[in-house]
Protein backbone atom coordinates (compact mmCIF):
# COMPACT_ATOMS: atom_id res chain seq x y z
CA UNK A 1 83.97 111.61 91.58
CA UNK A 2 81.18 110.03 91.06
CA UNK A 3 80.03 107.49 89.27
CA UNK A 4 76.78 107.19 88.27
CA UNK A 5 75.14 104.25 86.84
CA UNK A 6 71.85 103.01 85.71
CA UNK A 7 69.41 101.93 87.29
CA UNK A 8 69.77 98.80 85.03
CA UNK A 9 73.25 98.72 84.62
CA UNK A 10 75.63 95.66 84.91
CA UNK A 11 79.31 97.17 85.38
CA UNK A 12 82.46 96.94 87.29
CA UNK A 13 83.52 99.62 88.62
CA UNK A 14 87.06 100.11 89.65
CA UNK A 15 89.77 101.80 92.87
CA UNK A 16 92.94 102.71 92.89
CA UNK A 17 94.91 101.37 95.55
CA UNK A 18 98.25 102.78 96.76
CA UNK A 19 100.72 100.78 99.35
CA UNK A 20 103.98 101.27 100.95
CA UNK A 21 103.51 98.04 100.02
CA UNK A 22 103.07 95.62 96.65
CA UNK A 23 98.97 94.78 97.31
CA UNK A 24 98.23 91.25 97.08
CA UNK A 25 95.42 89.00 99.04
CA UNK A 26 91.90 89.28 96.65
CA UNK A 27 90.23 92.80 97.19
CA UNK A 28 86.94 93.27 98.48
CA UNK A 29 84.09 96.54 98.34
CA UNK A 30 80.81 97.22 99.83
CA UNK A 31 78.75 99.97 98.94
CA UNK A 32 76.98 102.05 101.03
CA UNK A 33 74.30 104.75 101.22
CA UNK A 34 76.92 108.63 102.16
CA UNK A 35 77.26 108.98 105.68
CA UNK A 36 77.32 105.91 106.40
CA UNK A 37 80.10 102.72 107.71
CA UNK A 38 81.01 99.81 105.92
CA UNK A 39 79.75 96.57 107.90
CA UNK A 40 81.89 93.12 107.42
CA UNK A 41 79.03 91.24 106.48
CA UNK A 42 78.36 93.90 103.43
CA UNK A 43 82.19 93.07 101.67
CA UNK A 44 82.06 91.06 98.68
CA UNK A 45 84.89 89.64 96.28
CA UNK A 46 86.93 92.18 93.97
CA UNK A 47 89.59 91.49 91.71
CA UNK A 48 93.24 93.33 90.55
CA UNK A 49 93.69 94.17 87.46
CA UNK A 50 97.35 93.36 85.68
CA UNK A 51 100.39 93.81 88.73
CA UNK A 52 101.27 96.79 90.61
CA UNK A 53 103.13 100.12 89.23
CA UNK A 54 106.43 101.54 91.62
CA UNK A 55 105.98 104.34 91.92
CA UNK A 56 108.14 107.19 93.90
CA UNK A 57 106.25 110.17 95.75
CA UNK A 58 107.80 113.18 97.63
CA UNK A 59 110.73 110.89 97.87
CA UNK A 60 109.00 107.99 98.97
CA UNK A 61 108.92 104.44 96.77
CA UNK A 62 104.71 103.46 96.86
CA UNK A 63 102.80 100.92 94.73
CA UNK A 64 100.31 101.69 92.65
CA UNK A 65 97.63 99.07 91.50
CA UNK A 66 94.07 99.44 90.04
CA UNK A 67 90.97 96.49 91.66
CA UNK A 68 87.74 96.04 89.99
CA UNK A 69 84.36 95.02 92.45
CA UNK A 70 82.32 92.07 91.47
CA UNK A 71 79.00 93.06 88.70
CA UNK A 72 77.56 95.75 90.34
CA UNK A 73 73.93 96.43 89.22
CA UNK A 74 71.29 92.78 87.78
CA UNK A 75 73.37 90.00 88.64
CA UNK A 76 75.18 91.14 91.12
CA UNK A 77 75.75 93.43 94.02
CA UNK A 78 71.80 96.01 93.81
CA UNK A 79 71.50 98.79 94.49
CA UNK A 80 68.22 100.78 94.67
CA UNK A 81 68.76 104.35 93.34
CA UNK A 82 70.37 106.93 95.71
CA UNK A 83 74.42 107.97 97.00
CA UNK A 84 76.51 105.23 98.17
CA UNK A 85 79.65 105.78 99.66
CA UNK A 86 82.47 102.59 97.66
CA UNK A 87 84.44 101.18 100.27
CA UNK A 88 87.54 98.64 99.84
CA UNK A 89 89.35 96.10 101.86
CA UNK A 90 92.61 94.30 101.37
CA UNK A 91 93.96 91.75 103.32
CA UNK A 92 97.72 92.57 103.61
CA UNK A 93 98.50 90.92 107.18
CA UNK A 94 98.84 92.06 109.58
CA UNK A 95 97.46 95.12 108.46
CA UNK A 96 93.67 95.36 106.66
CA UNK A 97 93.05 98.50 105.34
CA UNK A 98 89.99 99.45 104.29
CA UNK A 99 89.23 102.82 102.82
CA UNK A 100 86.75 104.70 100.94
CA UNK A 101 87.02 104.68 97.30
CA UNK A 102 84.66 106.62 95.88
CA UNK A 103 81.42 107.66 95.23
CA UNK A 104 78.74 105.83 93.29
CA UNK A 105 74.67 107.63 91.67
CA UNK A 106 72.66 105.44 91.19
CA UNK A 107 70.19 107.04 88.33
């Protein structure tokens, strides 16, 4: 699913994280042009929104937690008009998953 924002807009974007352990650490976000992978230097700090919620999916206990980006737009991460992939990274030793978390279209 894509989120569309106006180039003059400054907004926080959200992503849902599912994990077999409750996500901790600071979530980090990056935005890249479509079909481009994120590089380590492109990630900026985000924040968790509330506590993790325990759920059972196909008999397996999982945790869901929402994260928000740093500000996207003027005063934050400025994206030129175009289409981008959003990426989220969470350091949760020993794992450091990096996942696509959606598309952003800037008009």
